Amino acid sequence: MTATDTMNKYQWSALATSVEDGDLIRAALEEQVYSFGWNRDEAEGVIEGALASEDGIKKAVEIYAGKYQDALGSMRAIDLFIAYGPALKDFLGENSSEYRRARETFEANAAENYGNIFKSVKKAQVQIKNARALGLSDSEVDSAKNTLKRYGKVMAILATLEQNKLEALRPQVRTRATKRTLKEILEE
């Protein structure tokens, strides 16, 4: 299974980590379990067991969302561009200068994996923000600024596309949550 396949498999749990509404989290977890291809009877124990407590929900989401994040972190920038290129084309137009700049940004960092890019950017942000407290030299601060310049657009583009991808899942999760709520209200 490729990293992209793994991300697609666990996208529902990634969504669950980005919402605060408990009903939506539960519904996202249900979507996650059903996305494994299990029928209602097969999924019932896992769903009811995980949904039986806040700790169960938290643990299930943590496990599945962790698999999503691990897959994302393992992908090279060029693989991310391939995975998200169709969305970029839809938003920007394949022949636009913005699309070409996005492609060039990912190609310039083609071999870098996202996990390393993410860590480098976070480290650079801390170094710049706390340069004095960390006792960093001007050259160390300049190096951190160069890291942000090199990877900042990759991070920003990916964050924007990830947010859009997860938001596109929300209506299906909202529908599941509404059905569950109505059934609970009408139970005798």
N, C-alpha and C. Protein backbone atom coordinates (compact mmCIF):
# COMPACT_ATOMS: atom_id res chain seq x y z
N MET A 1 0.85 -1.17 0.00
CA MET A 1 0.00 0.00 0.00
C MET A 1 0.90 1.24 0.00
N THR A 2 0.60 2.18 -0.89
CA THR A 2 1.40 3.40 -0.95
C THR A 2 1.00 4.35 0.18
N ALA A 3 1.84 5.34 0.41
CA ALA A 3 1.54 6.34 1.44
C ALA A 3 0.25 7.08 1.09
N THR A 4 0.03 7.35 -0.19
CA THR A 4 -1.20 8.02 -0.61
C THR A 4 -2.42 7.14 -0.31
N ASP A 5 -2.29 5.84 -0.58
CA ASP A 5 -3.39 4.91 -0.25
C ASP A 5 -3.66 4.92 1.25
N THR A 6 -2.60 4.92 2.04
CA THR A 6 -2.76 4.93 3.49
C THR A 6 -3.44 6.21 3.95
N MET A 7 -3.03 7.34 3.38
CA MET A 7 -3.69 8.60 3.74
C MET A 7 -5.17 8.56 3.39
N ASN A 8 -5.49 8.05 2.21
CA ASN A 8 -6.89 7.96 1.81
C ASN A 8 -7.66 7.01 2.73
N LYS A 9 -7.01 5.95 3.16
CA LYS A 9 -7.66 4.98 4.02
C LYS A 9 -8.02 5.58 5.39
N TYR A 10 -7.14 6.43 5.92
CA TYR A 10 -7.33 6.95 7.28
C TYR A 10 -7.76 8.42 7.32
N GLN A 11 -8.23 8.95 6.19
CA GLN A 11 -8.60 10.37 6.13
C GLN A 11 -9.73 10.73 7.08
N TRP A 12 -10.61 9.79 7.36
CA TRP A 12 -11.73 10.08 8.26
C TRP A 12 -11.25 10.40 9.66
N SER A 13 -10.22 9.71 10.11
CA SER A 13 -9.69 9.99 11.44
C SER A 13 -8.91 11.29 11.46
N ALA A 14 -8.28 11.62 10.34
CA ALA A 14 -7.62 12.93 10.25
C ALA A 14 -8.66 14.03 10.40
N LEU A 15 -9.82 13.84 9.77
CA LEU A 15 -10.90 14.81 9.94
C LEU A 15 -11.34 14.87 11.40
N ALA A 16 -11.44 13.73 12.04
CA ALA A 16 -11.89 13.70 13.44
C ALA A 16 -10.98 14.52 14.35
N THR A 17 -9.71 14.61 14.02
CA THR A 17 -8.80 15.39 14.85
C THR A 17 -8.96 16.90 14.62
N SER A 18 -9.66 17.26 13.54
CA SER A 18 -9.79 18.70 13.23
C SER A 18 -11.14 19.28 13.62
N VAL A 19 -12.00 18.47 14.24
CA VAL A 19 -13.30 18.98 14.67
C VAL A 19 -13.42 18.84 16.19
N GLU A 20 -14.26 19.66 16.77
CA GLU A 20 -14.46 19.62 18.23
C GLU A 20 -15.82 19.05 18.61
N ASP A 21 -16.74 19.00 17.68
CA ASP A 21 -18.09 18.50 17.93
C ASP A 21 -18.03 16.99 18.14
N GLY A 22 -18.43 16.54 19.31
CA GLY A 22 -18.37 15.12 19.65
C GLY A 22 -19.16 14.25 18.70
N ASP A 23 -20.32 14.73 18.24
CA ASP A 23 -21.13 13.96 17.30
C ASP A 23 -20.39 13.78 15.97
N LEU A 24 -19.70 14.82 15.53
CA LEU A 24 -18.94 14.71 14.28
C LEU A 24 -17.75 13.77 14.45
N ILE A 25 -17.11 13.81 15.60
CA ILE A 25 -15.98 12.91 15.84
C ILE A 25 -16.46 11.46 15.81
N ARG A 26 -17.57 11.19 16.47
CA ARG A 26 -18.13 9.83 16.46
C ARG A 26 -18.49 9.39 15.03
N ALA A 27 -19.13 10.29 14.29
CA ALA A 27 -19.53 9.96 12.92
C ALA A 27 -18.30 9.75 12.03
N ALA A 28 -17.27 10.54 12.22
CA ALA A 28 -16.04 10.36 11.45
C ALA A 28 -15.41 9.00 11.76
N LEU A 29 -15.45 8.62 13.02
CA LEU A 29 -14.91 7.32 13.40
C LEU A 29 -15.74 6.19 12.76
N GLU A 30 -17.05 6.36 12.72
CA GLU A 30 -17.89 5.36 12.04
C GLU A 30 -17.52 5.28 10.56
N GLU A 31 -17.38 6.44 9.91
CA GLU A 31 -16.98 6.45 8.50
C GLU A 31 -15.64 5.75 8.33
N GLN A 32 -14.74 5.98 9.29
CA GLN A 32 -13.43 5.34 9.23
C GLN A 32 -13.58 3.82 9.22
N VAL A 33 -14.37 3.29 10.15
CA VAL A 33 -14.53 1.84 10.25
C VAL A 33 -15.23 1.29 9.01
N TYR A 34 -16.28 1.94 8.55
CA TYR A 34 -16.97 1.45 7.36
C TYR A 34 -16.10 1.55 6.11
N SER A 35 -15.15 2.49 6.10
CA SER A 35 -14.26 2.61 4.94
C SER A 35 -13.34 1.41 4.79
N PHE A 36 -13.22 0.60 5.85
CA PHE A 36 -12.41 -0.61 5.77
C PHE A 36 -13.11 -1.70 4.96
N GLY A 37 -14.36 -1.44 4.57
CA GLY A 37 -15.10 -2.40 3.77
C GLY A 37 -15.90 -3.39 4.59
N TRP A 38 -15.97 -3.16 5.89
CA TRP A 38 -16.73 -4.06 6.76
C TRP A 38 -18.22 -3.78 6.62
N ASN A 39 -19.02 -4.83 6.73
CA ASN A 39 -20.46 -4.60 6.73
C ASN A 39 -20.89 -4.21 8.14
N ARG A 40 -22.16 -3.88 8.29
CA ARG A 40 -22.66 -3.37 9.56
C ARG A 40 -22.43 -4.37 10.71
N ASP A 41 -22.64 -5.66 10.46
CA ASP A 41 -22.43 -6.67 11.51
C ASP A 41 -20.97 -6.76 11.93
N GLU A 42 -20.07 -6.72 10.94
CA GLU A 42 -18.64 -6.81 11.24
C GLU A 42 -18.15 -5.57 12.00
N ALA A 43 -18.69 -4.43 11.63
CA ALA A 43 -18.22 -3.17 12.21
C ALA A 43 -18.85 -2.86 13.57
N GLU A 44 -19.97 -3.48 13.88
CA GLU A 44 -20.72 -3.12 15.08
C GLU A 44 -19.89 -3.17 16.36
N GLY A 45 -19.16 -4.24 16.56
CA GLY A 45 -18.37 -4.37 17.79
C GLY A 45 -17.30 -3.30 17.93
N VAL A 46 -16.61 -3.04 16.83
CA VAL A 46 -15.57 -2.01 16.86
C VAL A 46 -16.18 -0.64 17.10
N ILE A 47 -17.25 -0.35 16.37
CA ILE A 47 -17.86 0.97 16.51
C ILE A 47 -18.45 1.15 17.91
N GLU A 48 -19.24 0.21 18.35
CA GLU A 48 -19.87 0.35 19.67
C GLU A 48 -18.83 0.31 20.79
N GLY A 49 -17.82 -0.51 20.62
CA GLY A 49 -16.77 -0.57 21.64
C GLY A 49 -15.99 0.73 21.72
N ALA A 50 -15.60 1.24 20.58
CA ALA A 50 -14.83 2.49 20.57
C ALA A 50 -15.68 3.67 21.01
N LEU A 51 -16.96 3.66 20.64
CA LEU A 51 -17.84 4.77 20.98
C LEU A 51 -18.41 4.69 22.39
N ALA A 52 -18.11 3.62 23.10
CA ALA A 52 -18.68 3.43 24.43
C ALA A 52 -18.14 4.43 25.45
N SER A 53 -16.99 5.00 25.20
CA SER A 53 -16.41 5.95 26.16
C SER A 53 -15.60 7.01 25.42
N GLU A 54 -15.39 8.12 26.09
CA GLU A 54 -14.55 9.17 25.52
C GLU A 54 -13.13 8.67 25.30
N ASP A 55 -12.65 7.85 26.24
CA ASP A 55 -11.29 7.28 26.09
C ASP A 55 -11.21 6.37 24.87
N GLY A 56 -12.27 5.58 24.64
CA GLY A 56 -12.29 4.70 23.47
C GLY A 56 -12.28 5.48 22.18
N ILE A 57 -13.06 6.53 22.13
CA ILE A 57 -13.10 7.39 20.95
C ILE A 57 -11.73 8.03 20.73
N LYS A 58 -11.19 8.58 21.80
CA LYS A 58 -9.90 9.26 21.70
C LYS A 58 -8.81 8.30 21.22
N LYS A 59 -8.79 7.09 21.76
CA LYS A 59 -7.76 6.12 21.41
C LYS A 59 -7.90 5.68 19.96
N ALA A 60 -9.12 5.38 19.52
CA ALA A 60 -9.32 4.94 18.14
C ALA A 60 -8.91 6.04 17.15
N VAL A 61 -9.34 7.25 17.43
CA VAL A 61 -8.98 8.36 16.54
C VAL A 61 -7.47 8.57 16.56
N GLU A 62 -6.87 8.50 17.72
CA GLU A 62 -5.42 8.67 17.85
C GLU A 62 -4.67 7.64 17.01
N ILE A 63 -5.08 6.39 17.08
CA ILE A 63 -4.41 5.32 16.33
C ILE A 63 -4.55 5.55 14.83
N TYR A 64 -5.78 5.73 14.37
CA TYR A 64 -6.01 5.86 12.94
C TYR A 64 -5.45 7.17 12.37
N ALA A 65 -5.61 8.27 13.09
CA ALA A 65 -5.05 9.54 12.63
C ALA A 65 -3.53 9.49 12.63
N GLY A 66 -2.95 8.73 13.57
CA GLY A 66 -1.50 8.55 13.59
C GLY A 66 -1.00 7.86 12.33
N LYS A 67 -1.75 6.89 11.85
CA LYS A 67 -1.39 6.20 10.62
C LYS A 67 -1.44 7.17 9.43
N TYR A 68 -2.42 8.05 9.44
CA TYR A 68 -2.53 9.07 8.40
C TYR A 68 -1.31 9.99 8.44
N GLN A 69 -0.99 10.48 9.63
CA GLN A 69 0.14 11.40 9.76
C GLN A 69 1.47 10.73 9.43
N ASP A 70 1.63 9.46 9.80
CA ASP A 70 2.85 8.73 9.45
C ASP A 70 3.00 8.63 7.94
N ALA A 71 1.90 8.32 7.26
CA ALA A 71 1.95 8.22 5.81
C ALA A 71 2.28 9.57 5.19
N LEU A 72 1.64 10.62 5.66
CA LEU A 72 1.91 11.96 5.16
C LEU A 72 3.38 12.33 5.38
N GLY A 73 3.88 12.07 6.57
CA GLY A 73 5.26 12.41 6.89
C GLY A 73 6.29 11.65 6.07
N SER A 74 5.92 10.48 5.57
CA SER A 74 6.87 9.67 4.80
C SER A 74 6.93 10.05 3.32
N MET A 75 5.97 10.85 2.87
CA MET A 75 5.92 11.18 1.45
C MET A 75 6.94 12.24 1.07
N ARG A 76 7.56 12.05 -0.08
CA ARG A 76 8.49 13.04 -0.62
C ARG A 76 7.67 14.19 -1.21
N ALA A 77 8.28 15.34 -1.29
CA ALA A 77 7.58 16.51 -1.82
C ALA A 77 7.03 16.24 -3.22
N ILE A 78 7.80 15.56 -4.05
CA ILE A 78 7.32 15.30 -5.41
C ILE A 78 6.11 14.37 -5.39
N ASP A 79 6.07 13.42 -4.46
CA ASP A 79 4.92 12.52 -4.33
C ASP A 79 3.68 13.30 -3.86
N LEU A 80 3.91 14.27 -2.99
CA LEU A 80 2.80 15.12 -2.54
C LEU A 80 2.26 15.93 -3.70
N PHE A 81 3.16 16.42 -4.54
CA PHE A 81 2.70 17.17 -5.71
C PHE A 81 1.89 16.28 -6.64
N ILE A 82 2.33 15.05 -6.83
CA ILE A 82 1.59 14.13 -7.68
C ILE A 82 0.21 13.86 -7.07
N ALA A 83 0.17 13.66 -5.76
CA ALA A 83 -1.10 13.38 -5.10
C ALA A 83 -2.05 14.58 -5.12
N TYR A 84 -1.51 15.76 -4.93
CA TYR A 84 -2.35 16.96 -4.84
C TYR A 84 -2.37 17.78 -6.12
N GLY A 85 -1.61 17.36 -7.13
CA GLY A 85 -1.57 18.08 -8.40
C GLY A 85 -2.93 18.27 -9.03
N PRO A 86 -3.79 17.24 -9.05
CA PRO A 86 -5.12 17.45 -9.63
C PRO A 86 -5.92 18.54 -8.93
N ALA A 87 -5.81 18.62 -7.62
CA ALA A 87 -6.52 19.68 -6.89
C ALA A 87 -5.93 21.04 -7.24
N LEU A 88 -4.62 21.11 -7.34
CA LEU A 88 -3.98 22.38 -7.73
C LEU A 88 -4.44 22.81 -9.12
N LYS A 89 -4.53 21.84 -10.03
CA LYS A 89 -5.01 22.16 -11.38
C LYS A 89 -6.43 22.70 -11.33
N ASP A 90 -7.27 22.06 -10.51
CA ASP A 90 -8.66 22.52 -10.40
C ASP A 90 -8.76 23.93 -9.85
N PHE A 91 -7.95 24.22 -8.84
CA PHE A 91 -8.02 25.54 -8.20
C PHE A 91 -7.32 26.63 -9.01
N LEU A 92 -6.19 26.29 -9.61
CA LEU A 92 -5.36 27.32 -10.24
C LEU A 92 -5.39 27.30 -11.77
N GLY A 93 -5.74 26.18 -12.35
CA GLY A 93 -5.66 26.03 -13.80
C GLY A 93 -4.27 25.54 -14.17
N GLU A 94 -4.21 24.48 -14.96
CA GLU A 94 -2.93 23.84 -15.29
C GLU A 94 -1.97 24.77 -16.00
N ASN A 95 -2.47 25.72 -16.75
CA ASN A 95 -1.60 26.61 -17.52
C ASN A 95 -1.33 27.94 -16.83
N SER A 96 -1.74 28.07 -15.58
CA SER A 96 -1.54 29.34 -14.88
C SER A 96 -0.11 29.45 -14.35
N SER A 97 0.31 30.68 -14.15
CA SER A 97 1.64 30.90 -13.58
C SER A 97 1.70 30.42 -12.13
N GLU A 98 0.58 30.51 -11.43
CA GLU A 98 0.54 30.05 -10.04
C GLU A 98 0.73 28.53 -9.96
N TYR A 99 0.10 27.81 -10.88
CA TYR A 99 0.28 26.35 -10.90
C TYR A 99 1.74 26.01 -11.20
N ARG A 100 2.33 26.69 -12.16
CA ARG A 100 3.75 26.44 -12.50
C ARG A 100 4.65 26.73 -11.30
N ARG A 101 4.37 27.81 -10.57
CA ARG A 101 5.19 28.13 -9.38
C ARG A 101 5.00 27.07 -8.30
N ALA A 102 3.79 26.58 -8.13
CA ALA A 102 3.56 25.52 -7.14
C ALA A 102 4.35 24.27 -7.53
N ARG A 103 4.27 23.89 -8.80
CA ARG A 103 5.02 22.72 -9.28
C ARG A 103 6.51 22.92 -9.05
N GLU A 104 7.02 24.08 -9.39
CA GLU A 104 8.45 24.37 -9.21
C GLU A 104 8.85 24.31 -7.73
N THR A 105 7.97 24.77 -6.87
CA THR A 105 8.24 24.74 -5.43
C THR A 105 8.40 23.30 -4.95
N PHE A 106 7.51 22.43 -5.38
CA PHE A 106 7.60 21.03 -4.98
C PHE A 106 8.78 20.34 -5.65
N GLU A 107 9.02 20.65 -6.92
CA GLU A 107 10.14 20.03 -7.63
C GLU A 107 11.48 20.44 -7.04
N ALA A 108 11.59 21.67 -6.55
CA ALA A 108 12.84 22.14 -5.94
C ALA A 108 13.18 21.35 -4.68
N ASN A 109 12.17 20.75 -4.08
CA ASN A 109 12.36 19.97 -2.85
C ASN A 109 11.95 18.52 -3.05
N ALA A 110 12.03 18.05 -4.29
CA ALA A 110 11.47 16.77 -4.71
C ALA A 110 11.83 15.60 -3.80
N ALA A 111 13.07 15.48 -3.41
CA ALA A 111 13.52 14.30 -2.67
C ALA A 111 13.29 14.41 -1.16
N GLU A 112 12.95 15.60 -0.69
CA GLU A 112 12.75 15.80 0.75
C GLU A 112 11.43 15.16 1.18
N ASN A 113 11.46 14.45 2.31
CA ASN A 113 10.17 13.92 2.77
C ASN A 113 9.50 14.94 3.68
N TYR A 114 8.18 14.88 3.68
CA TYR A 114 7.40 15.89 4.37
C TYR A 114 7.67 15.91 5.87
N GLY A 115 7.91 14.76 6.45
CA GLY A 115 8.22 14.71 7.88
C GLY A 115 9.44 15.55 8.21
N ASN A 116 10.48 15.44 7.39
CA ASN A 116 11.69 16.24 7.62
C ASN A 116 11.45 17.72 7.34
N ILE A 117 10.67 18.01 6.31
CA ILE A 117 10.34 19.40 6.01
C ILE A 117 9.60 20.01 7.19
N PHE A 118 8.61 19.30 7.70
CA PHE A 118 7.81 19.78 8.82
C PHE A 118 8.69 20.06 10.04
N LYS A 119 9.55 19.11 10.39
CA LYS A 119 10.44 19.27 11.54
C LYS A 119 11.40 20.45 11.33
N SER A 120 11.92 20.59 10.13
CA SER A 120 12.85 21.69 9.84
C SER A 120 12.17 23.05 9.98
N VAL A 121 10.95 23.15 9.48
CA VAL A 121 10.21 24.41 9.56
C VAL A 121 9.88 24.74 11.01
N LYS A 122 9.40 23.76 11.76
CA LYS A 122 9.06 24.01 13.17
C LYS A 122 10.30 24.43 13.95
N LYS A 123 11.41 23.76 13.71
CA LYS A 123 12.66 24.11 14.39
C LYS A 123 13.10 25.53 14.03
N ALA A 124 13.01 25.87 12.75
CA ALA A 124 13.40 27.21 12.29
C ALA A 124 12.50 28.27 12.92
N GLN A 125 11.20 27.98 13.01
CA GLN A 125 10.28 28.95 13.63
C GLN A 125 10.64 29.19 15.08
N VAL A 126 10.97 28.15 15.81
CA VAL A 126 11.36 28.29 17.21
C VAL A 126 12.67 29.07 17.31
N GLN A 127 13.62 28.76 16.45
CA GLN A 127 14.90 29.46 16.48
C GLN A 127 14.75 30.95 16.20
N ILE A 128 13.94 31.30 15.25
CA ILE A 128 13.74 32.72 14.93
C ILE A 128 13.01 33.43 16.06
N LYS A 129 11.98 32.81 16.57
CA LYS A 129 11.19 33.42 17.63
C LYS A 129 12.00 33.58 18.93
N ASN A 130 12.85 32.64 19.22
CA ASN A 130 13.58 32.63 20.49
C ASN A 130 15.09 32.76 20.31
N ALA A 131 15.51 33.45 19.26
CA ALA A 131 16.93 33.53 18.93
C ALA A 131 17.78 34.04 20.10
N ARG A 132 17.31 35.11 20.72
CA ARG A 132 18.07 35.68 21.84
C ARG A 132 18.15 34.72 23.01
N ALA A 133 17.01 34.18 23.38
CA ALA A 133 16.96 33.26 24.52
C ALA A 133 17.81 32.01 24.28
N LEU A 134 17.90 31.59 23.02
CA LEU A 134 18.71 30.42 22.68
C LEU A 134 20.17 30.76 22.45
N GLY A 135 20.48 32.05 22.43
CA GLY A 135 21.85 32.49 22.22
C GLY A 135 22.36 32.20 20.82
N LEU A 136 21.48 32.33 19.83
CA LEU A 136 21.86 32.02 18.45
C LEU A 136 22.61 33.19 17.82
N SER A 137 23.56 32.86 16.99
CA SER A 137 24.31 33.88 16.25
C SER A 137 23.47 34.37 15.07
N ASP A 138 23.89 35.47 14.47
CA ASP A 138 23.19 36.01 13.30
C ASP A 138 23.18 34.99 12.17
N SER A 139 24.28 34.27 11.99
CA SER A 139 24.33 33.29 10.91
C SER A 139 23.36 32.13 11.17
N GLU A 140 23.18 31.75 12.43
CA GLU A 140 22.23 30.69 12.76
C GLU A 140 20.79 31.15 12.51
N VAL A 141 20.51 32.40 12.84
CA VAL A 141 19.19 32.96 12.58
C VAL A 141 18.96 33.06 11.07
N ASP A 142 19.99 33.50 10.33
CA ASP A 142 19.87 33.57 8.87
C ASP A 142 19.62 32.19 8.26
N SER A 143 20.27 31.19 8.80
CA SER A 143 20.06 29.82 8.34
C SER A 143 18.62 29.39 8.59
N ALA A 144 18.07 29.72 9.75
CA ALA A 144 16.67 29.40 10.07
C ALA A 144 15.73 30.13 9.11
N LYS A 145 16.03 31.38 8.81
CA LYS A 145 15.21 32.14 7.86
C LYS A 145 15.26 31.52 6.47
N ASN A 146 16.42 31.04 6.08
CA ASN A 146 16.56 30.38 4.78
C ASN A 146 15.75 29.08 4.74
N THR A 147 15.71 28.38 5.86
CA THR A 147 14.90 27.16 5.93
C THR A 147 13.43 27.49 5.71
N LEU A 148 12.96 28.56 6.37
CA LEU A 148 11.56 28.97 6.17
C LEU A 148 11.30 29.39 4.72
N LYS A 149 12.26 30.08 4.15
CA LYS A 149 12.11 30.52 2.77
C LYS A 149 12.06 29.31 1.83
N ARG A 150 12.89 28.31 2.11
CA ARG A 150 12.97 27.13 1.25
C ARG A 150 11.71 26.27 1.34
N TYR A 151 11.23 26.05 2.56
CA TYR A 151 10.14 25.09 2.76
C TYR A 151 8.78 25.71 3.08
N GLY A 152 8.74 26.99 3.35
CA GLY A 152 7.50 27.62 3.80
C GLY A 152 6.34 27.46 2.83
N LYS A 153 6.61 27.61 1.55
CA LYS A 153 5.52 27.50 0.57
C LYS A 153 5.02 26.07 0.44
N VAL A 154 5.94 25.10 0.53
CA VAL A 154 5.51 23.70 0.49
C VAL A 154 4.54 23.45 1.64
N MET A 155 4.92 23.89 2.83
CA MET A 155 4.07 23.71 4.01
C MET A 155 2.73 24.42 3.85
N ALA A 156 2.76 25.66 3.39
CA ALA A 156 1.53 26.45 3.26
C ALA A 156 0.59 25.86 2.20
N ILE A 157 1.15 25.45 1.07
CA ILE A 157 0.32 24.86 0.01
C ILE A 157 -0.30 23.57 0.51
N LEU A 158 0.52 22.73 1.12
CA LEU A 158 0.01 21.45 1.60
C LEU A 158 -1.05 21.64 2.69
N ALA A 159 -0.82 22.56 3.61
CA ALA A 159 -1.80 22.81 4.67
C ALA A 159 -3.13 23.27 4.08
N THR A 160 -3.08 24.12 3.09
CA THR A 160 -4.30 24.62 2.44
C THR A 160 -5.05 23.49 1.75
N LEU A 161 -4.32 22.65 1.02
CA LEU A 161 -4.96 21.55 0.31
C LEU A 161 -5.47 20.47 1.26
N GLU A 162 -4.72 20.22 2.33
CA GLU A 162 -5.17 19.26 3.34
C GLU A 162 -6.47 19.73 4.00
N GLN A 163 -6.52 21.00 4.35
CA GLN A 163 -7.72 21.55 4.96
C GLN A 163 -8.91 21.40 4.01
N ASN A 164 -8.70 21.71 2.75
CA ASN A 164 -9.77 21.58 1.76
C ASN A 164 -10.22 20.13 1.64
N LYS A 165 -9.27 19.21 1.60
CA LYS A 165 -9.60 17.78 1.48
C LYS A 165 -10.45 17.32 2.66
N LEU A 166 -10.04 17.69 3.86
CA LEU A 166 -10.77 17.26 5.04
C LEU A 166 -12.13 17.92 5.15
N GLU A 167 -12.21 19.19 4.76
CA GLU A 167 -13.50 19.88 4.79
C GLU A 167 -14.48 19.26 3.80
N ALA A 168 -13.97 18.72 2.70
CA ALA A 168 -14.84 18.09 1.71
C ALA A 168 -15.48 16.82 2.28
N LEU A 169 -14.87 16.23 3.30
CA LEU A 169 -15.42 15.03 3.94
C LEU A 169 -16.52 15.37 4.94
N ARG A 170 -16.51 16.58 5.42
CA ARG A 170 -17.41 16.98 6.50
C ARG A 170 -18.90 16.77 6.20
N PRO A 171 -19.42 17.08 5.01
CA PRO A 171 -20.86 16.87 4.79
C PRO A 171 -21.29 15.42 5.00
N GLN A 172 -20.49 14.47 4.56
CA GLN A 172 -20.83 13.06 4.74
C GLN A 172 -20.84 12.70 6.23
N VAL A 173 -19.89 13.26 6.97
CA VAL A 173 -19.84 13.00 8.41
C VAL A 173 -21.02 13.68 9.11
N ARG A 174 -21.35 14.88 8.69
CA ARG A 174 -22.50 15.60 9.28
C ARG A 174 -23.78 14.81 9.05
N THR A 175 -23.94 14.25 7.85
CA THR A 175 -25.13 13.44 7.55
C THR A 175 -25.19 12.22 8.47
N ARG A 176 -24.08 11.53 8.65
CA ARG A 176 -24.05 10.36 9.53
C ARG A 176 -24.38 10.77 10.96
N ALA A 177 -23.82 11.88 11.43
CA ALA A 177 -24.09 12.35 12.79
C ALA A 177 -25.56 12.70 12.97
N THR A 178 -26.15 13.32 11.98
CA THR A 178 -27.57 13.69 12.05
C THR A 178 -28.45 12.44 12.10
N LYS A 179 -28.14 11.45 11.27
CA LYS A 179 -28.90 10.20 11.29
C LYS A 179 -28.81 9.53 12.65
N ARG A 180 -27.61 9.49 13.21
CA ARG A 180 -27.41 8.87 14.53
C ARG A 180 -28.23 9.61 15.59
N THR A 181 -28.19 10.93 15.57
CA THR A 181 -28.92 11.73 16.55
C THR A 181 -30.42 11.50 16.43
N LEU A 182 -30.93 11.51 15.21
CA LEU A 182 -32.38 11.29 15.00
C LEU A 182 -32.79 9.89 15.49
N LYS A 183 -31.99 8.90 15.20
CA LYS A 183 -32.30 7.54 15.67
C LYS A 183 -32.30 7.47 17.19
N GLU A 184 -31.35 8.14 17.83
CA GLU A 184 -31.29 8.16 19.29
C GLU A 184 -32.52 8.86 19.88
N ILE A 185 -32.94 9.95 19.26
CA ILE A 185 -34.11 10.68 19.74
C ILE A 185 -35.36 9.82 19.62
N LEU A 186 -35.46 9.05 18.55
CA LEU A 186 -36.68 8.30 18.27
C LEU A 186 -36.66 6.88 18.82
N GLU A 187 -35.60 6.49 19.50
CA GLU A 187 -35.56 5.17 20.12
C GLU A 187 -36.60 5.08 21.21
N GLU A 188 -37.17 3.92 21.37
CA GLU A 188 -38.18 3.75 22.44
C GLU A 188 -37.61 3.01 23.59
